[in-house]
Amino acid sequence: MIAAHNISLQYGKRVLFDEVNIKFIQGNCYGVIGANGAGKSTFLKFWRAIYLQILVV
């Protein structure tokens, strides 16, 4: 399981995520949906960076 609490991310004045809480449970399949420009790719890049940091530690 990977979980995170109160994640916030912004570029300049544009807020992409504000106090997001999320939990990924092993064995489940997840999808990310949203409008163009909503931050889906940024969200996945963020999680990839977190995942890689976990592997390095």
N, C-alpha and C. Protein backbone atom coordinates (compact mmCIF):
# COMPACT_ATOMS: atom_id res chain seq x y z
N MET A 1 0.85 -1.18 0.00
CA MET A 1 0.00 0.00 0.00
C MET A 1 0.89 1.24 0.00
N ILE A 2 0.49 2.22 -0.76
CA ILE A 2 1.13 3.53 -0.76
C ILE A 2 0.05 4.54 -0.40
N ALA A 3 0.33 5.38 0.57
CA ALA A 3 -0.64 6.39 0.99
C ALA A 3 0.05 7.73 1.19
N ALA A 4 -0.69 8.78 0.98
CA ALA A 4 -0.19 10.13 1.22
C ALA A 4 -1.34 10.99 1.73
N HIS A 5 -1.00 11.93 2.57
CA HIS A 5 -2.01 12.79 3.18
C HIS A 5 -1.63 14.26 3.03
N ASN A 6 -2.61 15.07 2.75
CA ASN A 6 -2.47 16.53 2.68
C ASN A 6 -1.43 16.99 1.65
N ILE A 7 -1.47 16.40 0.46
CA ILE A 7 -0.56 16.80 -0.63
C ILE A 7 -1.09 18.07 -1.28
N SER A 8 -0.20 19.02 -1.46
CA SER A 8 -0.54 20.26 -2.16
C SER A 8 0.54 20.54 -3.19
N LEU A 9 0.14 21.02 -4.36
CA LEU A 9 1.09 21.34 -5.42
C LEU A 9 0.54 22.51 -6.22
N GLN A 10 1.41 23.48 -6.50
CA GLN A 10 0.99 24.60 -7.33
C GLN A 10 2.15 25.05 -8.19
N TYR A 11 1.82 25.61 -9.36
CA TYR A 11 2.77 26.23 -10.26
C TYR A 11 2.43 27.71 -10.29
N GLY A 12 3.33 28.52 -9.77
CA GLY A 12 3.03 29.94 -9.66
C GLY A 12 1.81 30.13 -8.78
N LYS A 13 0.81 30.82 -9.30
CA LYS A 13 -0.42 31.04 -8.54
C LYS A 13 -1.48 29.96 -8.79
N ARG A 14 -1.23 29.09 -9.77
CA ARG A 14 -2.21 28.06 -10.12
C ARG A 14 -2.08 26.85 -9.19
N VAL A 15 -3.12 26.59 -8.43
CA VAL A 15 -3.14 25.45 -7.52
C VAL A 15 -3.60 24.21 -8.29
N LEU A 16 -2.76 23.16 -8.29
CA LEU A 16 -3.12 21.91 -8.96
C LEU A 16 -3.74 20.92 -7.98
N PHE A 17 -3.16 20.79 -6.81
CA PHE A 17 -3.68 19.91 -5.77
C PHE A 17 -3.66 20.68 -4.46
N ASP A 18 -4.70 20.55 -3.67
CA ASP A 18 -4.75 21.22 -2.38
C ASP A 18 -5.27 20.25 -1.33
N GLU A 19 -4.37 19.82 -0.45
CA GLU A 19 -4.68 18.90 0.65
C GLU A 19 -5.36 17.61 0.17
N VAL A 20 -4.74 16.97 -0.83
CA VAL A 20 -5.26 15.71 -1.37
C VAL A 20 -4.82 14.56 -0.47
N ASN A 21 -5.73 13.63 -0.20
CA ASN A 21 -5.44 12.40 0.53
C ASN A 21 -5.73 11.24 -0.40
N ILE A 22 -4.79 10.28 -0.48
CA ILE A 22 -4.97 9.17 -1.40
C ILE A 22 -4.30 7.91 -0.85
N LYS A 23 -4.87 6.76 -1.21
CA LYS A 23 -4.31 5.48 -0.80
C LYS A 23 -4.44 4.50 -1.95
N PHE A 24 -3.32 3.89 -2.34
CA PHE A 24 -3.30 2.85 -3.36
C PHE A 24 -3.08 1.52 -2.66
N ILE A 25 -3.98 0.56 -2.88
CA ILE A 25 -3.91 -0.73 -2.23
C ILE A 25 -3.46 -1.77 -3.26
N GLN A 26 -2.49 -2.62 -2.86
CA GLN A 26 -1.95 -3.64 -3.74
C GLN A 26 -3.05 -4.56 -4.25
N GLY A 27 -2.97 -4.87 -5.53
CA GLY A 27 -3.93 -5.77 -6.15
C GLY A 27 -5.09 -5.06 -6.84
N ASN A 28 -5.26 -3.78 -6.57
CA ASN A 28 -6.32 -3.00 -7.22
C ASN A 28 -5.78 -2.33 -8.48
N CYS A 29 -6.67 -1.99 -9.38
CA CYS A 29 -6.33 -1.28 -10.60
C CYS A 29 -6.96 0.11 -10.54
N TYR A 30 -6.17 1.16 -10.84
CA TYR A 30 -6.66 2.53 -10.71
C TYR A 30 -6.55 3.26 -12.05
N GLY A 31 -7.43 4.20 -12.26
CA GLY A 31 -7.39 5.07 -13.43
C GLY A 31 -7.47 6.52 -13.00
N VAL A 32 -6.94 7.39 -13.83
CA VAL A 32 -6.98 8.82 -13.55
C VAL A 32 -7.77 9.49 -14.66
N ILE A 33 -8.84 10.16 -14.30
CA ILE A 33 -9.67 10.84 -15.29
C ILE A 33 -9.80 12.31 -14.93
N GLY A 34 -10.04 13.12 -15.93
CA GLY A 34 -10.23 14.55 -15.71
C GLY A 34 -10.16 15.30 -17.02
N ALA A 35 -10.55 16.53 -16.97
CA ALA A 35 -10.55 17.39 -18.16
C ALA A 35 -9.12 17.69 -18.62
N ASN A 36 -8.99 18.10 -19.89
CA ASN A 36 -7.68 18.54 -20.38
C ASN A 36 -7.17 19.67 -19.51
N GLY A 37 -5.90 19.57 -19.12
CA GLY A 37 -5.29 20.61 -18.31
C GLY A 37 -5.61 20.51 -16.82
N ALA A 38 -6.25 19.42 -16.41
CA ALA A 38 -6.63 19.28 -15.00
C ALA A 38 -5.47 18.85 -14.12
N GLY A 39 -4.37 18.35 -14.73
CA GLY A 39 -3.21 17.95 -13.93
C GLY A 39 -3.01 16.45 -13.82
N LYS A 40 -3.63 15.67 -14.70
CA LYS A 40 -3.50 14.21 -14.64
C LYS A 40 -2.05 13.77 -14.83
N SER A 41 -1.40 14.26 -15.85
CA SER A 41 0.00 13.87 -16.11
C SER A 41 0.91 14.36 -15.00
N THR A 42 0.69 15.55 -14.52
CA THR A 42 1.48 16.08 -13.41
C THR A 42 1.30 15.22 -12.17
N PHE A 43 0.08 14.81 -11.91
CA PHE A 43 -0.21 13.94 -10.78
C PHE A 43 0.56 12.63 -10.88
N LEU A 44 0.57 12.02 -12.07
CA LEU A 44 1.27 10.75 -12.25
C LEU A 44 2.79 10.94 -12.18
N LYS A 45 3.31 12.03 -12.69
CA LYS A 45 4.74 12.32 -12.58
C LYS A 45 5.13 12.52 -11.12
N PHE A 46 4.28 13.17 -10.37
CA PHE A 46 4.53 13.38 -8.95
C PHE A 46 4.63 12.04 -8.23
N TRP A 47 3.67 11.13 -8.49
CA TRP A 47 3.67 9.82 -7.85
C TRP A 47 4.87 8.99 -8.27
N ARG A 48 5.29 9.13 -9.53
CA ARG A 48 6.48 8.41 -9.99
C ARG A 48 7.70 8.87 -9.21
N ALA A 49 7.83 10.17 -9.02
CA ALA A 49 8.97 10.71 -8.26
C ALA A 49 8.95 10.19 -6.81
N ILE A 50 7.78 10.17 -6.21
CA ILE A 50 7.66 9.65 -4.84
C ILE A 50 8.05 8.18 -4.80
N TYR A 51 7.55 7.40 -5.75
CA TYR A 51 7.85 5.97 -5.81
C TYR A 51 9.34 5.72 -5.97
N LEU A 52 9.99 6.47 -6.84
CA LEU A 52 11.43 6.29 -7.05
C LEU A 52 12.22 6.66 -5.80
N GLN A 53 11.79 7.66 -5.06
CA GLN A 53 12.46 8.02 -3.81
C GLN A 53 12.33 6.90 -2.79
N ILE A 54 11.19 6.24 -2.76
CA ILE A 54 10.99 5.13 -1.83
C ILE A 54 11.94 3.98 -2.17
N LEU A 55 12.15 3.72 -3.47
CA LEU A 55 13.03 2.65 -3.88
C LEU A 55 14.49 2.95 -3.55
N VAL A 56 14.88 4.22 -3.61
CA VAL A 56 16.26 4.61 -3.37
C VAL A 56 16.62 4.55 -1.90
N VAL A 57 15.67 4.88 -1.04
CA VAL A 57 15.93 4.95 0.41
C VAL A 57 16.22 3.61 0.98
